[in-house]
Amino acid sequence: MSLSRRTLLLGAGLALAGCTSRRVDAPAELVLATGPEGAVFREVGGALAAALAEQLPGTKVTAIPTAASVENLALLRSGEAQLALSSLDPIDDPQSVRAVGRLYDSFMQIAVPTASPIRTFSDLAGKRISLGPKGSGTEFTSMRMLSTFNVSALGERMAHSDASRRVADGSLDAMLALTGIPTPAITDLKGKVRMIDIAVEAVELADAYKGPYIPATIPSTTYEGVAANHTFAVPNLLLARDTLSADVVEVVTRTVFTETARIVEGHPEASRINVRTGIATGLVPLHDGAMRWFRSVKR
C-alpha cells in the first residue's frame, strides 16, 4: 500500500473516531463542584467524575461536595474548581464563565402541610419557611422571590431532607426547593403535603428577569396524591473555567452527552440531558471545546 493511500485511510479513521483519538494534554487534577448530600447535583456530579476519570486516565478527577450553585460559582471563579454545576439564575455575569452545556431543569416547588391555611405565595408572610441550604440555588431564588414580591418570612437555611422532616412534624410551615422532579424530599412526604401554585409569580418573575425563568407545570403524576402545579423552571448548566483547554472540555462535553444513561442512573429528573437542548445555555457562552464537540455531531 502506498504511503499516500495509507495516510488517507488513517486520516479517515481518525475523523470517524473523533476526539477519542486525539492526544489530550490533560491536567494532573480536575475538580468538579457539585452539591450537598442527597442532592441531584451531588450524585450526578459524582457519576460524571467517575466517567471522566476513565476518559482522562492521567488526571485525578474529584467531585467535591458543596452547598450548590452559589458556592460552586465562587469556587469556579477562584480556580479552586475547574468544573461546576449551577442553575442559571445566580450567574450574574454570564460572560465571566463558560458553559459545557445545559443539563436538565430544576423546578421551584413550595410544599406545605395538607391542612395548612397557606394557599398563595403571599400567604408565606410571617411564616417559618426553609430557603434551602446556604449558598444554594434554592436560597438564591427564594430570596429573589421574597424580595420581588415583597413578602417577609422567617427564613431558615437547611437541606431539603431536613426541611421535609420539619414540614412533616409541623415545626416548619413551608419548604422551598429548586430542584429536579421528582425530588425525594417531597416524594417521602406522600399524603402529607400539597404544593402552592405560583403561576402568576412565575410570569412576573420571567418578565422581571429575562432569561433564567420559564413558566412551567409539574404534572400530577410527579407526586402521588399531589395535583398538577403551576410554577417555573430554571435550567441547570455544567460550567468550566475558560482557562481549561478546549481539548479537555471537548472530552468533558462528549462524556456528558454520550454517557448520559450512566450519569443519570436512578435520577429521572436528570434523564432529560440531551444534545438537542445542550446548547441552550442562555446568555452564558459555550466553552470553545464544547462548541467544537457540538459542531462535530451537528447533523
C-alpha atoms as a PDB file:
ATOM      1  CA  MET A   1       0.000   0.000   0.000  1.00  0.00           C
ATOM      2  CA  SER A   2       1.404   3.400  -0.911  1.00  0.00           C
ATOM      3  CA  LEU A   3       2.216   5.911   1.787  1.00  0.00           C
ATOM      4  CA  SER A   4      -0.360   8.374   0.459  1.00  0.00           C
ATOM      5  CA  ARG A   5      -3.137   5.752   0.458  1.00  0.00           C
ATOM      6  CA  ARG A   6      -2.171   4.576   3.964  1.00  0.00           C
ATOM      7  CA  THR A   7      -2.207   8.205   5.120  1.00  0.00           C
ATOM      8  CA  LEU A   8      -5.651   8.808   3.647  1.00  0.00           C
ATOM      9  CA  LEU A   9      -7.099   5.716   5.322  1.00  0.00           C
ATOM     10  CA  LEU A  10      -5.546   6.673   8.633  1.00  0.00           C
ATOM     11  CA  GLY A  11      -6.985  10.181   8.349  1.00  0.00           C
ATOM     12  CA  ALA A  12     -10.443   8.795   7.632  1.00  0.00           C
ATOM     13  CA  GLY A  13     -10.212   6.540  10.664  1.00  0.00           C
ATOM     14  CA  LEU A  14      -9.254   9.420  12.903  1.00  0.00           C
ATOM     15  CA  ALA A  15     -12.130  11.510  11.595  1.00  0.00           C
ATOM     16  CA  LEU A  16     -14.583   8.735  12.402  1.00  0.00           C
ATOM     17  CA  ALA A  17     -13.112   8.215  15.833  1.00  0.00           C
ATOM     18  CA  GLY A  18     -13.386  11.901  16.610  1.00  0.00           C
ATOM     19  CA  CYS A  19     -11.665  13.315  19.649  1.00  0.00           C
ATOM     20  CA  THR A  20     -11.254   9.856  21.217  1.00  0.00           C
ATOM     21  CA  SER A  21      -8.135   9.508  19.031  1.00  0.00           C
ATOM     22  CA  ARG A  22      -6.778  12.976  19.725  1.00  0.00           C
ATOM     23  CA  ARG A  23      -3.998  13.192  22.259  1.00  0.00           C
ATOM     24  CA  VAL A  24      -5.329  15.360  25.097  1.00  0.00           C
ATOM     25  CA  ASP A  25      -2.893  17.302  27.247  1.00  0.00           C
ATOM     26  CA  ALA A  26      -4.992  16.827  30.382  1.00  0.00           C
ATOM     27  CA  PRO A  27      -4.273  18.498  33.732  1.00  0.00           C
ATOM     28  CA  ALA A  28      -2.971  16.492  36.679  1.00  0.00           C
ATOM     29  CA  GLU A  29      -6.154  17.228  38.611  1.00  0.00           C
ATOM     30  CA  LEU A  30      -9.696  18.217  37.721  1.00  0.00           C
ATOM     31  CA  VAL A  31     -12.081  19.364  40.472  1.00  0.00           C
ATOM     32  CA  LEU A  32     -15.852  19.298  39.902  1.00  0.00           C
ATOM     33  CA  ALA A  33     -18.006  21.292  42.357  1.00  0.00           C
ATOM     34  CA  THR A  34     -21.329  19.515  42.907  1.00  0.00           C
ATOM     35  CA  GLY A  35     -23.866  19.913  45.715  1.00  0.00           C
ATOM     36  CA  PRO A  36     -24.928  18.788  49.206  1.00  0.00           C
ATOM     37  CA  GLU A  37     -25.603  15.254  50.373  1.00  0.00           C
ATOM     38  CA  GLY A  38     -28.716  13.762  48.805  1.00  0.00           C
ATOM     39  CA  ALA A  39     -28.899  16.423  46.086  1.00  0.00           C
ATOM     40  CA  VAL A  40     -29.115  15.554  42.391  1.00  0.00           C
ATOM     41  CA  PHE A  41     -26.111  17.830  41.726  1.00  0.00           C
ATOM     42  CA  ARG A  42     -24.033  15.764  44.164  1.00  0.00           C
ATOM     43  CA  GLU A  43     -24.976  12.391  42.700  1.00  0.00           C
ATOM     44  CA  VAL A  44     -24.920  13.348  39.029  1.00  0.00           C
ATOM     45  CA  GLY A  45     -21.625  15.160  39.604  1.00  0.00           C
ATOM     46  CA  GLY A  46     -20.130  12.103  41.274  1.00  0.00           C
ATOM     47  CA  ALA A  47     -21.169   9.850  38.401  1.00  0.00           C
ATOM     48  CA  LEU A  48     -19.769  12.321  35.867  1.00  0.00           C
ATOM     49  CA  ALA A  49     -16.470  12.479  37.742  1.00  0.00           C
ATOM     50  CA  ALA A  50     -16.192   8.679  37.631  1.00  0.00           C
ATOM     51  CA  ALA A  51     -16.859   8.654  33.878  1.00  0.00           C
ATOM     52  CA  LEU A  52     -14.315  11.423  33.287  1.00  0.00           C
ATOM     53  CA  ALA A  53     -11.673   9.560  35.262  1.00  0.00           C
ATOM     54  CA  GLU A  54     -11.932   6.771  32.694  1.00  0.00           C
ATOM     55  CA  GLN A  55     -11.761   9.176  29.760  1.00  0.00           C
ATOM     56  CA  LEU A  56      -8.815  11.088  31.248  1.00  0.00           C
ATOM     57  CA  PRO A  57      -6.718   8.308  32.817  1.00  0.00           C
ATOM     58  CA  GLY A  58      -3.801  10.591  33.616  1.00  0.00           C
ATOM     59  CA  THR A  59      -5.975  13.010  35.549  1.00  0.00           C
ATOM     60  CA  LYS A  60      -7.186  12.798  39.139  1.00  0.00           C
ATOM     61  CA  VAL A  61     -10.865  13.752  38.849  1.00  0.00           C
ATOM     62  CA  THR A  62     -12.511  14.747  42.122  1.00  0.00           C
ATOM     63  CA  ALA A  63     -16.159  15.614  42.758  1.00  0.00           C
ATOM     64  CA  ILE A  64     -16.346  17.810  45.842  1.00  0.00           C
ATOM     65  CA  PRO A  65     -19.491  18.340  47.974  1.00  0.00           C
ATOM     66  CA  THR A  66     -20.748  21.925  48.219  1.00  0.00           C
ATOM     67  CA  ALA A  67     -23.881  23.878  49.085  1.00  0.00           C
ATOM     68  CA  ALA A  68     -24.559  24.008  45.291  1.00  0.00           C
ATOM     69  CA  SER A  69     -24.876  26.830  42.749  1.00  0.00           C
ATOM     70  CA  VAL A  70     -23.727  29.990  44.540  1.00  0.00           C
ATOM     71  CA  GLU A  71     -20.792  28.314  46.268  1.00  0.00           C
ATOM     72  CA  ASN A  72     -19.915  26.479  43.052  1.00  0.00           C
ATOM     73  CA  LEU A  73     -19.670  29.741  41.126  1.00  0.00           C
ATOM     74  CA  ALA A  74     -17.301  31.140  43.755  1.00  0.00           C
ATOM     75  CA  LEU A  75     -15.125  28.021  43.601  1.00  0.00           C
ATOM     76  CA  LEU A  76     -15.027  28.161  39.811  1.00  0.00           C
ATOM     77  CA  ARG A  77     -14.064  31.830  39.712  1.00  0.00           C
ATOM     78  CA  SER A  78     -11.369  31.402  42.374  1.00  0.00           C
ATOM     79  CA  GLY A  79      -9.835  28.488  40.483  1.00  0.00           C
ATOM     80  CA  GLU A  80     -10.475  26.003  43.304  1.00  0.00           C
ATOM     81  CA  ALA A  81     -12.698  24.097  40.861  1.00  0.00           C
ATOM     82  CA  GLN A  82     -12.330  23.734  37.102  1.00  0.00           C
ATOM     83  CA  LEU A  83     -15.848  22.395  36.523  1.00  0.00           C
ATOM     84  CA  ALA A  84     -19.037  23.262  38.395  1.00  0.00           C
ATOM     85  CA  LEU A  85     -22.762  22.643  38.337  1.00  0.00           C
ATOM     86  CA  SER A  86     -25.038  25.669  38.667  1.00  0.00           C
ATOM     87  CA  SER A  87     -28.567  26.774  37.996  1.00  0.00           C
ATOM     88  CA  LEU A  88     -28.718  29.632  35.510  1.00  0.00           C
ATOM     89  CA  ASP A  89     -30.194  32.429  37.617  1.00  0.00           C
ATOM     90  CA  PRO A  90     -27.330  33.076  40.106  1.00  0.00           C
ATOM     91  CA  ILE A  91     -24.898  33.699  37.223  1.00  0.00           C
ATOM     92  CA  ASP A  92     -24.846  37.486  37.453  1.00  0.00           C
ATOM     93  CA  ASP A  93     -22.038  37.947  34.909  1.00  0.00           C
ATOM     94  CA  PRO A  94     -22.651  35.395  32.135  1.00  0.00           C
ATOM     95  CA  GLN A  95     -19.570  36.469  30.182  1.00  0.00           C
ATOM     96  CA  SER A  96     -17.286  35.620  33.107  1.00  0.00           C
ATOM     97  CA  VAL A  97     -17.895  31.870  32.837  1.00  0.00           C
ATOM     98  CA  ARG A  98     -18.185  29.289  30.074  1.00  0.00           C
ATOM     99  CA  ALA A  99     -20.729  26.514  29.642  1.00  0.00           C
ATOM    100  CA  VAL A 100     -20.100  22.898  28.785  1.00  0.00           C
ATOM    101  CA  GLY A 101     -23.831  22.560  28.201  1.00  0.00           C
ATOM    102  CA  ARG A 102     -27.330  22.681  29.578  1.00  0.00           C
ATOM    103  CA  LEU A 103     -28.196  19.545  31.517  1.00  0.00           C
ATOM    104  CA  TYR A 104     -31.735  19.452  32.892  1.00  0.00           C
ATOM    105  CA  ASP A 105     -34.135  21.926  34.502  1.00  0.00           C
ATOM    106  CA  SER A 106     -34.966  22.426  38.161  1.00  0.00           C
ATOM    107  CA  PHE A 107     -38.485  23.367  39.238  1.00  0.00           C
ATOM    108  CA  MET A 108     -39.446  25.672  42.101  1.00  0.00           C
ATOM    109  CA  GLN A 109     -41.538  23.585  44.469  1.00  0.00           C
ATOM    110  CA  ILE A 110     -43.245  25.057  47.525  1.00  0.00           C
ATOM    111  CA  ALA A 111     -44.633  22.333  49.774  1.00  0.00           C
ATOM    112  CA  VAL A 112     -46.890  22.914  52.770  1.00  0.00           C
ATOM    113  CA  PRO A 113     -48.768  20.502  55.067  1.00  0.00           C
ATOM    114  CA  THR A 114     -52.017  19.290  53.507  1.00  0.00           C
ATOM    115  CA  ALA A 115     -54.157  21.034  56.157  1.00  0.00           C
ATOM    116  CA  SER A 116     -52.171  24.306  56.045  1.00  0.00           C
ATOM    117  CA  PRO A 117     -54.085  27.571  55.537  1.00  0.00           C
ATOM    118  CA  ILE A 118     -51.316  28.733  53.173  1.00  0.00           C
ATOM    119  CA  ARG A 119     -52.754  28.955  49.655  1.00  0.00           C
ATOM    120  CA  THR A 120     -50.672  31.571  47.851  1.00  0.00           C
ATOM    121  CA  PHE A 121     -47.106  32.809  47.843  1.00  0.00           C
ATOM    122  CA  SER A 122     -48.128  35.964  49.720  1.00  0.00           C
ATOM    123  CA  ASP A 123     -49.521  33.740  52.493  1.00  0.00           C
ATOM    124  CA  LEU A 124     -45.920  32.864  53.379  1.00  0.00           C
ATOM    125  CA  ALA A 125     -45.580  36.269  55.048  1.00  0.00           C
ATOM    126  CA  GLY A 126     -44.555  35.810  58.675  1.00  0.00           C
ATOM    127  CA  LYS A 127     -44.335  32.020  58.299  1.00  0.00           C
ATOM    128  CA  ARG A 128     -41.434  29.706  59.129  1.00  0.00           C
ATOM    129  CA  ILE A 129     -40.013  28.550  55.812  1.00  0.00           C
ATOM    130  CA  SER A 130     -36.942  26.730  54.522  1.00  0.00           C
ATOM    131  CA  LEU A 131     -34.939  28.686  51.950  1.00  0.00           C
ATOM    132  CA  GLY A 132     -32.718  25.711  51.133  1.00  0.00           C
ATOM    133  CA  PRO A 133     -29.036  25.265  52.069  1.00  0.00           C
ATOM    134  CA  LYS A 134     -26.886  28.378  52.485  1.00  0.00           C
ATOM    135  CA  GLY A 135     -25.057  29.032  49.230  1.00  0.00           C
ATOM    136  CA  SER A 136     -27.535  27.024  47.151  1.00  0.00           C
ATOM    137  CA  GLY A 137     -29.532  27.940  44.069  1.00  0.00           C
ATOM    138  CA  THR A 138     -32.698  27.408  46.118  1.00  0.00           C
ATOM    139  CA  GLU A 139     -31.591  30.051  48.623  1.00  0.00           C
ATOM    140  CA  PHE A 140     -30.712  32.497  45.850  1.00  0.00           C
ATOM    141  CA  THR A 141     -34.015  32.091  44.015  1.00  0.00           C
ATOM    142  CA  SER A 142     -36.116  32.005  47.199  1.00  0.00           C
ATOM    143  CA  MET A 143     -34.587  35.277  48.387  1.00  0.00           C
ATOM    144  CA  ARG A 144     -35.134  36.827  44.966  1.00  0.00           C
ATOM    145  CA  MET A 145     -38.808  35.815  45.075  1.00  0.00           C
ATOM    146  CA  LEU A 146     -39.338  37.189  48.586  1.00  0.00           C
ATOM    147  CA  SER A 147     -37.757  40.484  47.528  1.00  0.00           C
ATOM    148  CA  THR A 148     -39.554  40.715  44.185  1.00  0.00           C
ATOM    149  CA  PHE A 149     -42.987  40.084  45.684  1.00  0.00           C
ATOM    150  CA  ASN A 150     -42.365  41.976  48.927  1.00  0.00           C
ATOM    151  CA  VAL A 151     -43.007  39.018  51.222  1.00  0.00           C
ATOM    152  CA  SER A 152     -41.299  38.927  54.617  1.00  0.00           C
ATOM    153  CA  ALA A 153     -40.989  35.424  56.062  1.00  0.00           C
ATOM    154  CA  LEU A 154     -38.989  33.727  58.809  1.00  0.00           C
ATOM    155  CA  GLY A 155     -36.484  32.024  56.566  1.00  0.00           C
ATOM    156  CA  GLU A 156     -34.113  29.285  57.688  1.00  0.00           C
ATOM    157  CA  ARG A 157     -31.299  27.641  55.740  1.00  0.00           C
ATOM    158  CA  MET A 158     -31.264  23.857  55.669  1.00  0.00           C
ATOM    159  CA  ALA A 159     -31.001  20.812  53.437  1.00  0.00           C
ATOM    160  CA  HIS A 160     -34.180  19.726  51.672  1.00  0.00           C
ATOM    161  CA  SER A 161     -34.186  16.460  53.611  1.00  0.00           C
ATOM    162  CA  ASP A 162     -34.171  18.356  56.921  1.00  0.00           C
ATOM    163  CA  ALA A 163     -36.873  20.741  55.704  1.00  0.00           C
ATOM    164  CA  SER A 164     -39.003  17.795  54.640  1.00  0.00           C
ATOM    165  CA  ARG A 165     -38.873  16.270  58.112  1.00  0.00           C
ATOM    166  CA  ARG A 166     -39.744  19.563  59.745  1.00  0.00           C
ATOM    167  CA  VAL A 167     -42.705  20.183  57.445  1.00  0.00           C
ATOM    168  CA  ALA A 168     -43.926  16.704  58.354  1.00  0.00           C
ATOM    169  CA  ASP A 169     -43.630  17.282  62.115  1.00  0.00           C
ATOM    170  CA  GLY A 170     -45.181  20.753  61.975  1.00  0.00           C
ATOM    171  CA  SER A 171     -42.140  22.759  63.084  1.00  0.00           C
ATOM    172  CA  LEU A 172     -41.898  24.368  59.634  1.00  0.00           C
ATOM    173  CA  ASP A 173     -44.756  25.967  57.700  1.00  0.00           C
ATOM    174  CA  ALA A 174     -43.331  25.510  54.198  1.00  0.00           C
ATOM    175  CA  MET A 175     -40.280  24.390  52.287  1.00  0.00           C
ATOM    176  CA  LEU A 176     -38.989  25.878  49.049  1.00  0.00           C
ATOM    177  CA  ALA A 177     -36.960  23.573  46.852  1.00  0.00           C
ATOM    178  CA  LEU A 178     -35.490  24.478  43.475  1.00  0.00           C
ATOM    179  CA  THR A 179     -34.544  21.037  42.232  1.00  0.00           C
ATOM    180  CA  GLY A 180     -35.382  18.347  39.717  1.00  0.00           C
ATOM    181  CA  ILE A 181     -38.647  16.441  39.718  1.00  0.00           C
ATOM    182  CA  PRO A 182     -39.499  14.260  41.421  1.00  0.00           C
ATOM    183  CA  THR A 183     -37.360  15.124  44.424  1.00  0.00           C
ATOM    184  CA  PRO A 184     -37.132  12.552  47.253  1.00  0.00           C
ATOM    185  CA  ALA A 185     -37.631  15.259  49.883  1.00  0.00           C
ATOM    186  CA  ILE A 186     -41.222  15.697  48.675  1.00  0.00           C
ATOM    187  CA  THR A 187     -41.846  12.154  47.473  1.00  0.00           C
ATOM    188  CA  ASP A 188     -41.122  10.958  51.014  1.00  0.00           C
ATOM    189  CA  LEU A 189     -43.959  13.149  52.317  1.00  0.00           C
ATOM    190  CA  LYS A 190     -46.589  11.195  50.404  1.00  0.00           C
ATOM    191  CA  GLY A 191     -50.056  12.199  51.569  1.00  0.00           C
ATOM    192  CA  LYS A 192     -48.733  14.830  53.969  1.00  0.00           C
ATOM    193  CA  VAL A 193     -48.193  17.838  51.681  1.00  0.00           C
ATOM    194  CA  ARG A 194     -49.608  19.819  48.811  1.00  0.00           C
ATOM    195  CA  MET A 195     -47.969  22.354  46.528  1.00  0.00           C
ATOM    196  CA  ILE A 196     -48.533  26.101  46.312  1.00  0.00           C
ATOM    197  CA  ASP A 197     -49.480  27.317  42.831  1.00  0.00           C
ATOM    198  CA  ILE A 198     -47.326  30.242  41.686  1.00  0.00           C
ATOM    199  CA  ALA A 199     -48.499  30.694  38.095  1.00  0.00           C
ATOM    200  CA  VAL A 200     -48.785  34.493  38.401  1.00  0.00           C
ATOM    201  CA  GLU A 201     -45.438  34.853  40.155  1.00  0.00           C
ATOM    202  CA  ALA A 202     -43.784  32.680  37.501  1.00  0.00           C
ATOM    203  CA  VAL A 203     -44.855  35.016  34.696  1.00  0.00           C
ATOM    204  CA  GLU A 204     -43.918  38.160  36.622  1.00  0.00           C
ATOM    205  CA  LEU A 205     -40.506  36.737  37.541  1.00  0.00           C
ATOM    206  CA  ALA A 206     -39.847  35.761  33.925  1.00  0.00           C
ATOM    207  CA  ASP A 207     -40.738  39.316  32.851  1.00  0.00           C
ATOM    208  CA  ALA A 208     -38.597  40.937  35.545  1.00  0.00           C
ATOM    209  CA  TYR A 209     -35.507  38.783  34.894  1.00  0.00           C
ATOM    210  CA  LYS A 210     -35.120  37.926  31.241  1.00  0.00           C
ATOM    211  CA  GLY A 211     -33.678  34.503  30.545  1.00  0.00           C
ATOM    212  CA  PRO A 212     -33.459  32.141  33.509  1.00  0.00           C
ATOM    213  CA  TYR A 213     -37.120  31.651  34.437  1.00  0.00           C
ATOM    214  CA  ILE A 214     -39.523  29.570  32.374  1.00  0.00           C
ATOM    215  CA  PRO A 215     -43.194  29.247  33.446  1.00  0.00           C
ATOM    216  CA  ALA A 216     -43.843  25.517  33.755  1.00  0.00           C
ATOM    217  CA  THR A 217     -46.179  22.874  35.135  1.00  0.00           C
ATOM    218  CA  ILE A 218     -45.305  19.975  37.397  1.00  0.00           C
ATOM    219  CA  PRO A 219     -47.536  17.095  36.209  1.00  0.00           C
ATOM    220  CA  SER A 220     -49.985  15.435  38.587  1.00  0.00           C
ATOM    221  CA  THR A 221     -48.141  12.155  38.007  1.00  0.00           C
ATOM    222  CA  THR A 222     -44.990  13.519  39.651  1.00  0.00           C
ATOM    223  CA  TYR A 223     -46.092  13.044  43.264  1.00  0.00           C
ATOM    224  CA  GLU A 224     -48.766  10.618  44.355  1.00  0.00           C
ATOM    225  CA  GLY A 225     -51.844  12.477  45.580  1.00  0.00           C
ATOM    226  CA  VAL A 226     -50.486  15.926  44.635  1.00  0.00           C
ATOM    227  CA  ALA A 227     -52.344  17.883  41.947  1.00  0.00           C
ATOM    228  CA  ALA A 228     -50.628  19.423  38.924  1.00  0.00           C
ATOM    229  CA  ASN A 229     -48.809  22.573  39.977  1.00  0.00           C
ATOM    230  CA  HIS A 230     -48.021  25.768  38.068  1.00  0.00           C
ATOM    231  CA  THR A 231     -44.545  27.078  38.791  1.00  0.00           C
ATOM    232  CA  PHE A 232     -41.353  27.955  36.922  1.00  0.00           C
ATOM    233  CA  ALA A 233     -38.274  26.060  35.807  1.00  0.00           C
ATOM    234  CA  VAL A 234     -34.618  27.122  35.801  1.00  0.00           C
ATOM    235  CA  PRO A 235     -32.024  25.478  33.519  1.00  0.00           C
ATOM    236  CA  ASN A 236     -29.025  23.793  35.147  1.00  0.00           C
ATOM    237  CA  LEU A 237     -25.654  24.133  33.448  1.00  0.00           C
ATOM    238  CA  LEU A 238     -22.308  22.413  33.657  1.00  0.00           C
ATOM    239  CA  LEU A 239     -19.715  25.182  33.667  1.00  0.00           C
ATOM    240  CA  ALA A 240     -15.977  25.206  33.014  1.00  0.00           C
ATOM    241  CA  ARG A 241     -13.225  27.744  33.633  1.00  0.00           C
ATOM    242  CA  ASP A 242     -12.316  29.486  30.391  1.00  0.00           C
ATOM    243  CA  THR A 243      -8.656  28.624  31.113  1.00  0.00           C
ATOM    244  CA  LEU A 244      -9.391  24.899  30.848  1.00  0.00           C
ATOM    245  CA  SER A 245      -8.088  23.660  27.495  1.00  0.00           C
ATOM    246  CA  ALA A 246     -10.512  23.161  24.625  1.00  0.00           C
ATOM    247  CA  ASP A 247      -9.302  19.578  24.200  1.00  0.00           C
ATOM    248  CA  VAL A 248     -10.195  18.712  27.804  1.00  0.00           C
ATOM    249  CA  VAL A 249     -13.573  20.428  27.640  1.00  0.00           C
ATOM    250  CA  GLU A 250     -14.327  18.599  24.402  1.00  0.00           C
ATOM    251  CA  VAL A 251     -13.761  15.314  26.246  1.00  0.00           C
ATOM    252  CA  VAL A 252     -15.946  16.518  29.122  1.00  0.00           C
ATOM    253  CA  THR A 253     -18.727  17.523  26.725  1.00  0.00           C
ATOM    254  CA  ARG A 254     -18.591  14.254  24.827  1.00  0.00           C
ATOM    255  CA  THR A 255     -18.709  12.302  28.081  1.00  0.00           C
ATOM    256  CA  VAL A 256     -21.736  14.212  29.381  1.00  0.00           C
ATOM    257  CA  PHE A 257     -23.782  13.691  26.242  1.00  0.00           C
ATOM    258  CA  THR A 258     -22.712  10.156  25.280  1.00  0.00           C
ATOM    259  CA  GLU A 259     -22.533   8.601  28.754  1.00  0.00           C
ATOM    260  CA  THR A 260     -25.889  10.069  29.794  1.00  0.00           C
ATOM    261  CA  ALA A 261     -27.544   6.801  30.816  1.00  0.00           C
ATOM    262  CA  ARG A 262     -24.729   6.021  33.212  1.00  0.00           C
ATOM    263  CA  ILE A 263     -24.503   9.534  34.644  1.00  0.00           C
ATOM    264  CA  VAL A 264     -28.224   9.936  35.369  1.00  0.00           C
ATOM    265  CA  GLU A 265     -28.898   6.373  36.531  1.00  0.00           C
ATOM    266  CA  GLY A 266     -31.584   6.454  39.206  1.00  0.00           C
ATOM    267  CA  HIS A 267     -32.364  10.140  38.627  1.00  0.00           C
ATOM    268  CA  PRO A 268     -35.359  10.586  36.321  1.00  0.00           C
ATOM    269  CA  GLU A 269     -35.120  14.367  36.629  1.00  0.00           C
ATOM    270  CA  ALA A 270     -31.650  14.272  35.045  1.00  0.00           C
ATOM    271  CA  SER A 271     -32.653  11.893  32.250  1.00  0.00           C
ATOM    272  CA  ARG A 272     -33.604  14.942  30.170  1.00  0.00           C
ATOM    273  CA  ILE A 273     -29.947  15.576  29.337  1.00  0.00           C
ATOM    274  CA  ASN A 274     -29.661  15.509  25.550  1.00  0.00           C
ATOM    275  CA  VAL A 275     -27.690  17.026  22.702  1.00  0.00           C
ATOM    276  CA  ARG A 276     -30.686  18.895  21.251  1.00  0.00           C
ATOM    277  CA  THR A 277     -31.113  21.116  24.320  1.00  0.00           C
ATOM    278  CA  GLY A 278     -27.475  21.005  25.417  1.00  0.00           C
ATOM    279  CA  ILE A 279     -26.519  24.173  23.569  1.00  0.00           C
ATOM    280  CA  ALA A 280     -29.397  26.225  25.074  1.00  0.00           C
ATOM    281  CA  THR A 281     -27.281  27.891  27.755  1.00  0.00           C
ATOM    282  CA  GLY A 282     -28.920  31.311  27.730  1.00  0.00           C
ATOM    283  CA  LEU A 283     -26.511  34.239  27.903  1.00  0.00           C
ATOM    284  CA  VAL A 284     -23.664  32.009  29.088  1.00  0.00           C
ATOM    285  CA  PRO A 285     -21.378  31.341  26.095  1.00  0.00           C
ATOM    286  CA  LEU A 286     -20.259  27.818  25.320  1.00  0.00           C
ATOM    287  CA  HIS A 287     -16.628  26.966  26.005  1.00  0.00           C
ATOM    288  CA  ASP A 288     -14.622  26.602  22.790  1.00  0.00           C
ATOM    289  CA  GLY A 289     -14.172  22.888  23.500  1.00  0.00           C
ATOM    290  CA  ALA A 290     -17.898  22.378  23.968  1.00  0.00           C
ATOM    291  CA  MET A 291     -18.651  24.302  20.793  1.00  0.00           C
ATOM    292  CA  ARG A 292     -16.175  22.124  18.920  1.00  0.00           C
ATOM    293  CA  TRP A 293     -17.921  18.934  20.079  1.00  0.00           C
ATOM    294  CA  PHE A 294     -21.447  20.154  19.342  1.00  0.00           C
ATOM    295  CA  ARG A 295     -20.370  21.155  15.832  1.00  0.00           C
ATOM    296  CA  SER A 296     -18.829  17.723  15.296  1.00  0.00           C
ATOM    297  CA  VAL A 297     -22.155  15.987  15.952  1.00  0.00           C
ATOM    298  CA  LYS A 298     -24.363  18.508  14.138  1.00  0.00           C
ATOM    299  CA  ARG A 299     -26.476  16.798  11.518  1.00  0.00           C
END
